[in-house]
C-alpha atoms as a PDB file:
ATOM      1  CA  MET A   1      -0.149   0.021  -0.035  1.00  0.00           C
ATOM      2  CA  ASN A   2       1.118   3.231  -0.885  1.00  0.00           C
ATOM      3  CA  GLN A   3       1.120   6.472   1.427  1.00  0.00           C
ATOM      4  CA  TRP A   4      -2.310   7.377   0.248  1.00  0.00           C
ATOM      5  CA  GLU A   5      -3.735   3.491   1.015  1.00  0.00           C
ATOM      6  CA  TRP A   6      -2.779   3.552   4.558  1.00  0.00           C
ATOM      7  CA  ASN A   7      -4.528   6.674   5.612  1.00  0.00           C
ATOM      8  CA  LEU A   8      -7.655   5.485   3.063  1.00  0.00           C
ATOM      9  CA  LEU A   9      -7.495   3.135   6.071  1.00  0.00           C
ATOM     10  CA  GLU A  10      -6.637   4.976   9.095  1.00  0.00           C
ATOM     11  CA  ASP A  11      -9.051   7.056   8.337  1.00  0.00           C
ATOM     12  CA  LYS A  12     -12.174   4.897   8.361  1.00  0.00           C
ATOM     13  CA  ALA A  13     -14.216   3.834  10.673  1.00  0.00           C
ATOM     14  CA  GLN A  14     -13.366   0.220  13.052  1.00  0.00           C
ATOM     15  CA  VAL A  15     -14.982  -2.556  13.687  1.00  0.00           C
ATOM     16  CA  GLU A  16     -16.098  -3.823  16.691  1.00  0.00           C
ATOM     17  CA  TYR A  17     -15.425  -7.919  15.471  1.00  0.00           C
ATOM     18  CA  VAL A  18     -14.508  -9.234  12.464  1.00  0.00           C
ATOM     19  CA  VAL A  19     -16.016 -13.699  12.404  1.00  0.00           C
ATOM     20  CA  ILE A  20     -12.929 -16.150  11.949  1.00  0.00           C
ATOM     21  CA  GLY A  21     -13.956 -19.971  11.148  1.00  0.00           C
ATOM     22  CA  GLY A  22     -16.830 -19.005  13.027  1.00  0.00           C
ATOM     23  CA  VAL A  23     -15.481 -17.704  15.988  1.00  0.00           C
ATOM     24  CA  GLU A  24     -16.002 -13.739  17.021  1.00  0.00           C
ATOM     25  CA  VAL A  25     -12.719 -11.807  17.299  1.00  0.00           C
ATOM     26  CA  ARG A  26     -12.815  -8.628  18.463  1.00  0.00           C
ATOM     27  CA  THR A  27     -10.223  -6.520  19.657  1.00  0.00           C
ATOM     28  CA  GLY A  28      -7.836  -6.900  23.063  1.00  0.00           C
ATOM     29  CA  ASP A  29      -8.116 -10.940  21.629  1.00  0.00           C
ATOM     30  CA  ARG A  30      -5.048 -12.710  21.635  1.00  0.00           C
ATOM     31  CA  VAL A  31      -4.713 -14.590  18.140  1.00  0.00           C
ATOM     32  CA  ARG A  32      -2.152 -16.522  16.367  1.00  0.00           C
ATOM     33  CA  LEU A  33      -0.655 -15.078  13.315  1.00  0.00           C
ATOM     34  CA  ARG A  34      -1.031 -17.587  10.615  1.00  0.00           C
ATOM     35  CA  PRO A  35       1.168 -15.165   7.161  1.00  0.00           C
ATOM     36  CA  ARG A  36       0.357 -16.041   3.460  1.00  0.00           C
ATOM     37  CA  ASP A  37       1.927 -18.543   2.249  1.00  0.00           C
ATOM     38  CA  GLY A  38       5.026 -16.728   0.111  1.00  0.00           C
ATOM     39  CA  GLY A  39       4.990 -13.798   2.299  1.00  0.00           C
ATOM     40  CA  ASP A  40       8.387 -11.864   2.832  1.00  0.00           C
ATOM     41  CA  ILE A  41      10.723 -12.279   5.099  1.00  0.00           C
ATOM     42  CA  LEU A  42       8.930 -10.796   8.043  1.00  0.00           C
ATOM     43  CA  ASP A  43       6.363 -12.709   7.557  1.00  0.00           C
ATOM     44  CA  LEU A  44       8.722 -15.606   7.832  1.00  0.00           C
ATOM     45  CA  ALA A  45       9.544 -14.120  11.170  1.00  0.00           C
ATOM     46  CA  LEU A  46       5.939 -13.551  12.169  1.00  0.00           C
ATOM     47  CA  GLN A  47       5.118 -17.152  11.443  1.00  0.00           C
ATOM     48  CA  GLY A  48       3.336 -18.849  14.475  1.00  0.00           C
ATOM     49  CA  GLN A  49       3.710 -15.665  17.140  1.00  0.00           C
ATOM     50  CA  ILE A  50       0.688 -14.712  19.752  1.00  0.00           C
ATOM     51  CA  ALA A  51      -0.708 -11.103  19.222  1.00  0.00           C
ATOM     52  CA  THR A  52      -3.030  -9.273  20.776  1.00  0.00           C
ATOM     53  CA  VAL A  53      -5.438  -7.114  18.106  1.00  0.00           C
ATOM     54  CA  GLU A  54      -5.262  -3.334  18.704  1.00  0.00           C
ATOM     55  CA  SER A  55      -7.618  -2.894  16.717  1.00  0.00           C
ATOM     56  CA  ILE A  56      -9.651  -4.646  13.400  1.00  0.00           C
ATOM     57  CA  GLU A  57      -9.957  -1.637  10.560  1.00  0.00           C
ATOM     58  CA  GLN A  58     -12.373  -1.383   7.124  1.00  0.00           C
ATOM     59  CA  ASP A  59     -10.386  -0.038   4.475  1.00  0.00           C
ATOM     60  CA  TYR A  60     -11.740   1.875   1.617  1.00  0.00           C
ATOM     61  CA  GLU A  61     -12.660  -1.199  -0.777  1.00  0.00           C
ATOM     62  CA  SER A  62     -14.588  -2.788   2.318  1.00  0.00           C
ATOM     63  CA  GLU A  63     -11.156  -4.769   3.250  1.00  0.00           C
ATOM     64  CA  GLN A  64     -11.221  -5.574   7.065  1.00  0.00           C
ATOM     65  CA  HIS A  65      -8.035  -5.815   8.063  1.00  0.00           C
ATOM     66  CA  ILE A  66      -6.714  -7.086  12.038  1.00  0.00           C
ATOM     67  CA  CYS A  67      -4.404  -4.677  13.727  1.00  0.00           C
ATOM     68  CA  VAL A  68      -1.817  -6.384  15.960  1.00  0.00           C
ATOM     69  CA  VAL A  69       0.544  -5.381  17.602  1.00  0.00           C
ATOM     70  CA  LEU A  70       2.824  -8.448  19.310  1.00  0.00           C
ATOM     71  CA  GLU A  71       2.923 -10.551  22.228  1.00  0.00           C
ATOM     72  CA  ASP A  72       6.457 -10.463  22.988  1.00  0.00           C
ATOM     73  CA  ASP A  73       7.633  -7.379  21.620  1.00  0.00           C
ATOM     74  CA  PRO A  74       9.379  -5.163  24.308  1.00  0.00           C
ATOM     75  CA  GLY A  75       7.969  -2.471  22.770  1.00  0.00           C
ATOM     76  CA  ARG A  76       4.425  -3.184  22.899  1.00  0.00           C
ATOM     77  CA  ASP A  77       3.193   0.646  24.516  1.00  0.00           C
ATOM     78  CA  PHE A  78       3.996   2.455  21.535  1.00  0.00           C
ATOM     79  CA  GLY A  79       2.110  -0.693  19.276  1.00  0.00           C
ATOM     80  CA  MET A  80      -0.878   0.448  21.516  1.00  0.00           C
ATOM     81  CA  MET A  81      -0.397   4.144  21.592  1.00  0.00           C
ATOM     82  CA  ARG A  82      -0.333   3.683  17.075  1.00  0.00           C
ATOM     83  CA  GLN A  83       2.881   4.379  16.695  1.00  0.00           C
ATOM     84  CA  PRO A  84       4.516   2.611  13.332  1.00  0.00           C
ATOM     85  CA  GLY A  85       7.334  -0.449  14.342  1.00  0.00           C
ATOM     86  CA  HIS A  86       5.446  -2.318  16.270  1.00  0.00           C
ATOM     87  CA  ARG A  87       1.347  -2.552  14.421  1.00  0.00           C
ATOM     88  CA  PHE A  88       1.366  -5.423  11.889  1.00  0.00           C
ATOM     89  CA  PHE A  89      -2.035  -5.754   9.879  1.00  0.00           C
ATOM     90  CA  PHE A  90      -3.324  -8.807   8.202  1.00  0.00           C
ATOM     91  CA  ARG A  91      -6.281 -10.174   6.490  1.00  0.00           C
ATOM     92  CA  PRO A  92      -9.062 -12.175   8.702  1.00  0.00           C
ATOM     93  CA  LEU A  93      -7.544 -14.719   6.643  1.00  0.00           C
ATOM     94  CA  GLU A  94      -3.923 -14.966   8.239  1.00  0.00           C
ATOM     95  CA  ILE A  95      -5.846 -15.543  11.957  1.00  0.00           C
ATOM     96  CA  GLU A  96      -5.868 -17.990  13.485  1.00  0.00           C
ATOM     97  CA  PRO A  97      -8.283 -17.508  17.461  1.00  0.00           C
ATOM     98  CA  LEU A  98      -7.266 -18.769  20.663  1.00  0.00           C
ATOM     99  CA  PRO A  99      -9.004 -20.792  22.119  1.00  0.00           C
ATOM    100  CA  PRO A 100     -10.694 -20.429  25.267  1.00  0.00           C
ATOM    101  CA  GLU A 101      -8.555 -21.393  27.397  1.00  0.00           C
ATOM    102  CA  GLU A 102      -5.210 -19.831  25.966  1.00  0.00           C
ATOM    103  CA  GLN A 103      -7.580 -16.549  26.636  1.00  0.00           C
ATOM    104  CA  LYS A 104      -6.665 -14.357  29.106  1.00  0.00           C
ATOM    105  CA  THR A 105      -9.421 -13.211  31.007  1.00  0.00           C
ATOM    106  CA  ARG A 106     -10.932 -10.455  28.065  1.00  0.00           C
ATOM    107  CA  THR A 107     -10.391  -6.866  28.487  1.00  0.00           C
ATOM    108  CA  ILE A 108     -11.716  -4.254  26.230  1.00  0.00           C
ATOM    109  CA  VAL A 109      -8.202  -2.342  25.264  1.00  0.00           C
ATOM    110  CA  LEU A 110      -9.639   1.514  24.626  1.00  0.00           C
ATOM    111  CA  LYS A 111      -7.577   4.400  23.206  1.00  0.00           C
ATOM    112  CA  PRO A 112      -5.420   5.979  26.019  1.00  0.00           C
ATOM    113  CA  THR A 113      -7.037   9.892  27.121  1.00  0.00           C
ATOM    114  CA  VAL A 114      -4.313  10.220  28.951  1.00  0.00           C
ATOM    115  CA  LEU A 115      -0.088   9.332  28.326  1.00  0.00           C
ATOM    116  CA  VAL A 116       1.881   9.806  31.153  1.00  0.00           C
ATOM    117  CA  ALA A 117       5.658  10.607  30.019  1.00  0.00           C
ATOM    118  CA  GLY A 118       8.586  10.141  31.581  1.00  0.00           C
ATOM    119  CA  ILE A 119      11.600  12.475  30.391  1.00  0.00           C
ATOM    120  CA  GLY A 120      15.061  13.053  31.327  1.00  0.00           C
ATOM    121  CA  ASN A 121      18.823  11.214  31.544  1.00  0.00           C
ATOM    122  CA  ILE A 122      19.427   9.221  33.984  1.00  0.00           C
ATOM    123  CA  PHE A 123      23.408  10.032  33.058  1.00  0.00           C
ATOM    124  CA  LEU A 124      22.786  13.190  35.067  1.00  0.00           C
ATOM    125  CA  GLY A 125      22.218  13.225  38.057  1.00  0.00           C
ATOM    126  CA  ASP A 126      18.650  14.075  39.035  1.00  0.00           C
ATOM    127  CA  ASP A 127      17.892  14.612  35.349  1.00  0.00           C
ATOM    128  CA  GLY A 128      16.757  11.159  35.674  1.00  0.00           C
ATOM    129  CA  PHE A 129      14.061  12.321  38.189  1.00  0.00           C
ATOM    130  CA  GLY A 130      11.246  11.561  35.877  1.00  0.00           C
ATOM    131  CA  VAL A 131      12.500   7.981  34.782  1.00  0.00           C
ATOM    132  CA  GLU A 132      11.604   6.686  38.040  1.00  0.00           C
ATOM    133  CA  VAL A 133       8.777   7.586  38.117  1.00  0.00           C
ATOM    134  CA  ALA A 134       7.571   6.278  35.099  1.00  0.00           C
ATOM    135  CA  ARG A 135       9.556   3.066  36.301  1.00  0.00           C
ATOM    136  CA  ARG A 136       7.806   3.520  39.668  1.00  0.00           C
ATOM    137  CA  LEU A 137       4.152   3.876  37.876  1.00  0.00           C
ATOM    138  CA  THR A 138       4.661   0.969  35.631  1.00  0.00           C
ATOM    139  CA  PRO A 139       3.469  -1.596  37.210  1.00  0.00           C
ATOM    140  CA  GLY A 140       0.718   0.093  39.265  1.00  0.00           C
ATOM    141  CA  THR A 141      -2.330   0.205  39.585  1.00  0.00           C
ATOM    142  CA  LEU A 142      -3.155   3.104  36.438  1.00  0.00           C
ATOM    143  CA  PRO A 143      -6.171   2.959  34.237  1.00  0.00           C
ATOM    144  CA  GLU A 144      -7.000   0.842  31.106  1.00  0.00           C
ATOM    145  CA  ALA A 145      -7.042   4.764  29.962  1.00  0.00           C
ATOM    146  CA  VAL A 146      -3.970   5.504  30.922  1.00  0.00           C
ATOM    147  CA  ARG A 147      -0.467   4.796  28.850  1.00  0.00           C
ATOM    148  CA  VAL A 148       2.979   5.107  30.783  1.00  0.00           C
ATOM    149  CA  VAL A 149       5.856   5.629  28.972  1.00  0.00           C
ATOM    150  CA  ASP A 150       9.352   6.206  29.334  1.00  0.00           C
ATOM    151  CA  PHE A 151      11.024   8.344  27.180  1.00  0.00           C
ATOM    152  CA  GLY A 152      13.871   9.155  28.589  1.00  0.00           C
ATOM    153  CA  ILE A 153      15.216  11.155  26.367  1.00  0.00           C
ATOM    154  CA  ARG A 154      13.528   9.720  22.974  1.00  0.00           C
ATOM    155  CA  GLY A 155      11.815  13.372  22.156  1.00  0.00           C
ATOM    156  CA  LEU A 156      10.674  12.143  18.505  1.00  0.00           C
ATOM    157  CA  ASP A 157       8.986   9.138  20.230  1.00  0.00           C
ATOM    158  CA  LEU A 158       7.741  11.728  22.755  1.00  0.00           C
ATOM    159  CA  VAL A 159       6.490  13.572  19.128  1.00  0.00           C
ATOM    160  CA  TYR A 160       4.891  10.626  17.315  1.00  0.00           C
ATOM    161  CA  ALA A 161       3.386   9.706  20.728  1.00  0.00           C
ATOM    162  CA  LEU A 162       1.358  12.704  21.090  1.00  0.00           C
ATOM    163  CA  GLN A 163       0.179  12.375  17.517  1.00  0.00           C
ATOM    164  CA  ASP A 164      -2.476   9.829  18.941  1.00  0.00           C
ATOM    165  CA  SER A 165      -4.692  12.725  20.828  1.00  0.00           C
ATOM    166  CA  TYR A 166      -4.975  12.353  23.877  1.00  0.00           C
ATOM    167  CA  GLU A 167      -6.901  14.131  25.875  1.00  0.00           C
ATOM    168  CA  THR A 168      -3.957  14.780  28.842  1.00  0.00           C
ATOM    169  CA  THR A 169      -0.549  14.808  28.599  1.00  0.00           C
ATOM    170  CA  ILE A 170       1.470  14.707  32.166  1.00  0.00           C
ATOM    171  CA  LEU A 171       5.372  14.939  31.236  1.00  0.00           C
ATOM    172  CA  ILE A 172       7.225  14.208  34.482  1.00  0.00           C
ATOM    173  CA  ASP A 173      10.302  15.473  33.878  1.00  0.00           C
ATOM    174  CA  ALA A 174      12.957  17.967  36.546  1.00  0.00           C
ATOM    175  CA  TYR A 175      11.819  20.906  36.586  1.00  0.00           C
ATOM    176  CA  PRO A 176      14.640  23.909  38.650  1.00  0.00           C
ATOM    177  CA  HIS A 177      13.245  27.127  39.078  1.00  0.00           C
ATOM    178  CA  GLY A 178      14.518  28.335  41.809  1.00  0.00           C
ATOM    179  CA  LYS A 179      12.943  25.884  45.141  1.00  0.00           C
ATOM    180  CA  THR A 180      14.314  23.532  47.548  1.00  0.00           C
ATOM    181  CA  PRO A 181      15.427  20.229  45.356  1.00  0.00           C
ATOM    182  CA  GLY A 182      13.194  17.244  45.983  1.00  0.00           C
ATOM    183  CA  THR A 183      10.361  20.033  46.064  1.00  0.00           C
ATOM    184  CA  ILE A 184       7.562  18.679  44.111  1.00  0.00           C
ATOM    185  CA  SER A 185       5.644  21.371  41.204  1.00  0.00           C
ATOM    186  CA  ILE A 186       2.453  20.860  39.428  1.00  0.00           C
ATOM    187  CA  VAL A 187       2.062  23.253  36.732  1.00  0.00           C
ATOM    188  CA  GLU A 188      -0.188  23.322  33.679  1.00  0.00           C
ATOM    189  CA  LEU A 189       1.187  24.510  30.504  1.00  0.00           C
ATOM    190  CA  ASP A 190      -0.079  25.694  27.653  1.00  0.00           C
ATOM    191  CA  PRO A 191       1.146  23.878  24.419  1.00  0.00           C
ATOM    192  CA  ASN A 192       0.118  26.014  21.352  1.00  0.00           C
ATOM    193  CA  GLU A 193       2.477  28.628  23.286  1.00  0.00           C
ATOM    194  CA  PRO A 194       5.515  26.742  24.798  1.00  0.00           C
ATOM    195  CA  THR A 195       7.419  30.348  24.784  1.00  0.00           C
ATOM    196  CA  GLU A 196       5.641  31.244  27.884  1.00  0.00           C
ATOM    197  CA  SER A 197       6.048  28.505  29.963  1.00  0.00           C
ATOM    198  CA  PRO A 198       7.677  29.205  33.733  1.00  0.00           C
ATOM    199  CA  GLY A 199      10.935  28.238  34.650  1.00  0.00           C
ATOM    200  CA  THR A 200      13.182  25.932  32.635  1.00  0.00           C
ATOM    201  CA  PHE A 201      12.892  23.026  31.227  1.00  0.00           C
ATOM    202  CA  ILE A 202      16.565  21.745  31.243  1.00  0.00           C
ATOM    203  CA  GLU A 203      18.650  21.252  28.433  1.00  0.00           C
ATOM    204  CA  PRO A 204      20.232  17.948  27.545  1.00  0.00           C
ATOM    205  CA  HIS A 205      17.679  16.678  26.419  1.00  0.00           C
ATOM    206  CA  SER A 206      18.371  14.468  22.844  1.00  0.00           C
ATOM    207  CA  MET A 207      15.516  17.368  22.587  1.00  0.00           C
ATOM    208  CA  HIS A 208      14.162  20.094  24.932  1.00  0.00           C
ATOM    209  CA  PRO A 209      10.090  19.060  25.919  1.00  0.00           C
ATOM    210  CA  MET A 210       9.276  22.794  24.906  1.00  0.00           C
ATOM    211  CA  ASN A 211      10.888  21.746  21.358  1.00  0.00           C
ATOM    212  CA  VAL A 212       8.902  18.771  21.244  1.00  0.00           C
ATOM    213  CA  LEU A 213       5.722  20.030  22.470  1.00  0.00           C
ATOM    214  CA  ARG A 214       5.963  22.303  19.262  1.00  0.00           C
ATOM    215  CA  MET A 215       7.216  19.908  16.359  1.00  0.00           C
ATOM    216  CA  ALA A 216       4.543  18.294  17.766  1.00  0.00           C
ATOM    217  CA  ARG A 217       2.032  20.661  17.374  1.00  0.00           C
ATOM    218  CA  ALA A 218       3.620  21.703  13.530  1.00  0.00           C
ATOM    219  CA  MET A 219       3.019  18.171  12.664  1.00  0.00           C
ATOM    220  CA  HIS A 220       0.056  18.066  13.975  1.00  0.00           C
ATOM    221  CA  GLY A 221      -2.189  20.976  14.758  1.00  0.00           C
ATOM    222  CA  PRO A 222      -3.486  22.505  18.418  1.00  0.00           C
ATOM    223  CA  LEU A 223      -2.283  20.186  20.969  1.00  0.00           C
ATOM    224  CA  LYS A 224      -4.364  19.717  23.875  1.00  0.00           C
ATOM    225  CA  ARG A 225      -4.241  19.382  28.175  1.00  0.00           C
ATOM    226  CA  VAL A 226      -0.053  19.342  29.150  1.00  0.00           C
ATOM    227  CA  MET A 227       0.675  19.000  32.140  1.00  0.00           C
ATOM    228  CA  LEU A 228       3.753  18.717  34.602  1.00  0.00           C
ATOM    229  CA  VAL A 229       4.912  17.182  37.304  1.00  0.00           C
ATOM    230  CA  GLY A 230       8.182  18.557  37.953  1.00  0.00           C
ATOM    231  CA  CYS A 231      11.382  18.319  40.571  1.00  0.00           C
ATOM    232  CA  GLU A 232      13.896  20.997  41.863  1.00  0.00           C
ATOM    233  CA  PRO A 233      16.887  19.107  41.618  1.00  0.00           C
ATOM    234  CA  ALA A 234      20.090  18.890  43.250  1.00  0.00           C
ATOM    235  CA  THR A 235      22.470  18.142  40.564  1.00  0.00           C
ATOM    236  CA  LEU A 236      22.733  17.326  36.946  1.00  0.00           C
ATOM    237  CA  GLY A 237      26.385  15.484  36.831  1.00  0.00           C
ATOM    238  CA  GLY A 238      28.295  18.012  36.374  1.00  0.00           C
ATOM    239  CA  ASP A 239      30.267  17.654  33.556  1.00  0.00           C
ATOM    240  CA  GLU A 240      31.192  14.636  34.013  1.00  0.00           C
ATOM    241  CA  GLY A 241      27.625  13.400  34.340  1.00  0.00           C
ATOM    242  CA  HIS A 242      26.367  11.567  37.113  1.00  0.00           C
ATOM    243  CA  LEU A 243      23.864   7.951  36.935  1.00  0.00           C
ATOM    244  CA  GLY A 244      21.909   8.291  40.155  1.00  0.00           C
ATOM    245  CA  LEU A 245      19.202  10.079  42.054  1.00  0.00           C
ATOM    246  CA  SER A 246      20.318  12.452  44.780  1.00  0.00           C
ATOM    247  CA  GLU A 247      19.758  12.158  47.887  1.00  0.00           C
ATOM    248  CA  PRO A 248      16.033  14.473  48.310  1.00  0.00           C
ATOM    249  CA  VAL A 249      15.234  14.554  44.745  1.00  0.00           C
ATOM    250  CA  GLU A 250      15.433  10.366  45.211  1.00  0.00           C
ATOM    251  CA  ALA A 251      13.063  10.922  48.979  1.00  0.00           C
ATOM    252  CA  ALA A 252      11.075  12.666  46.620  1.00  0.00           C
ATOM    253  CA  VAL A 253      10.156  10.621  44.009  1.00  0.00           C
ATOM    254  CA  PRO A 254       7.272   8.595  46.156  1.00  0.00           C
ATOM    255  CA  GLU A 255       5.572  11.611  46.351  1.00  0.00           C
ATOM    256  CA  ALA A 256       5.633  11.561  43.262  1.00  0.00           C
ATOM    257  CA  VAL A 257       3.873   8.858  42.276  1.00  0.00           C
ATOM    258  CA  ARG A 258       1.560   9.227  45.111  1.00  0.00           C
ATOM    259  CA  VAL A 259       0.897  12.678  43.228  1.00  0.00           C
ATOM    260  CA  THR A 260       0.812  11.365  39.733  1.00  0.00           C
ATOM    261  CA  GLU A 261      -1.547   8.552  40.490  1.00  0.00           C
ATOM    262  CA  SER A 262      -4.023  11.746  42.304  1.00  0.00           C
ATOM    263  CA  LEU A 263      -3.308  13.475  38.856  1.00  0.00           C
ATOM    264  CA  VAL A 264      -4.448  10.726  36.567  1.00  0.00           C
ATOM    265  CA  ARG A 265      -7.765   9.835  38.920  1.00  0.00           C
ATOM    266  CA  ARG A 266      -9.092  13.266  38.746  1.00  0.00           C
ATOM    267  CA  ILE A 267      -8.218  13.786  35.605  1.00  0.00           C
ATOM    268  CA  LEU A 268     -10.240  11.244  34.369  1.00  0.00           C
ATOM    269  CA  GLU A 269     -13.045  11.793  36.880  1.00  0.00           C
ATOM    270  CA  GLY A 270     -13.887  15.154  35.208  1.00  0.00           C
ATOM    271  CA  GLN A 271     -12.487  16.755  38.552  1.00  0.00           C
ATOM    272  CA  ALA A 272     -11.340  20.939  39.240  1.00  0.00           C
ATOM    273  CA  ILE A 273      -7.352  20.645  39.130  1.00  0.00           C
ATOM    274  CA  GLY A 274      -6.041  24.419  39.694  1.00  0.00           C
ATOM    275  CA  GLY A 275      -6.816  27.362  37.476  1.00  0.00           C
ATOM    276  CA  ASN A 276      -7.686  26.901  33.763  1.00  0.00           C
ATOM    277  CA  GLN A 277      -6.181  25.222  31.163  1.00  0.00           C
ATOM    278  CA  GLY A 278      -3.268  27.232  29.834  1.00  0.00           C
ATOM    279  CA  LEU A 279      -0.406  27.766  32.260  1.00  0.00           C
ATOM    280  CA  LYS A 280      -2.926  29.523  35.022  1.00  0.00           C
ATOM    281  CA  PHE A 281      -0.464  27.660  37.856  1.00  0.00           C
ATOM    282  CA  GLU A 282       1.325  26.107  39.588  1.00  0.00           C
ATOM    283  CA  MET A 283       0.425  23.914  42.323  1.00  0.00           C
ATOM    284  CA  VAL A 284       3.616  23.419  45.123  1.00  0.00           C
ATOM    285  CA  MET A 285       3.085  20.212  46.307  1.00  0.00           C
ATOM    286  CA  GLY A 286       5.630  20.320  49.374  1.00  0.00           C
ATOM    287  CA  GLU A 287       9.149  20.898  49.710  1.00  0.00           C
ATOM    288  CA  GLN A 288      11.469  19.656  51.554  1.00  0.00           C
ATOM    289  CA  GLU A 289      13.754  19.442  54.160  1.00  0.00           C
END
């Protein structure tokens, strides 16, 4: 398929289910891949792999395509976020439904509405704050509507993730703005006027977070709500760099996890947070002694 055809495919509404061999296959089901004979080397590699159905779509010629994410793919979260390289399309005849006893308890795979993005460089001291918070959030019990990803210094991956029209994006990062090291703050940003942000984000990322927002806006149009859970750093590693967080920032990580979980819950419940959207408030959650 060429790019025009892919665009047409992406524009089509999703299909609720498809019947394969008398079995209804829906989003969230586990299936075995059976690519057609005579395919390329990728088809050979995918033969027999177990995957999860991410969506069922119908193209402009009314042909159905099943989009799957490999169960053993370390980057499967990116597939669930509809990012390229981690999603594969197959025709129904190339899909084998797993029997009921091999199906996990079915959970409806919702399109995430909240993206929690941990960003930072772990080799630059407290710049690794966001990475550590994201790591501790991932095994938690956040709702299906929330996607937690450790982006590290992969700014372009975050740009692509922002194309998926999240209602709210929460950036977790070190945030130097003159407070006591370890202080946790919640800041609401205006993603469509990023040059007016309060404070200063850290420069050593491969892509400055505000530049990420600018690029994402340029590629996809105006962004929706963007918030920051930030921590005042004690050190950024100096000229030699440093692996590991400082004592006050390490001590602040559990509080940042709690604050992020509470923030997510309030967002999903539609509760008001601080002021109006767009650089209207900064909440300081408490300063480390």
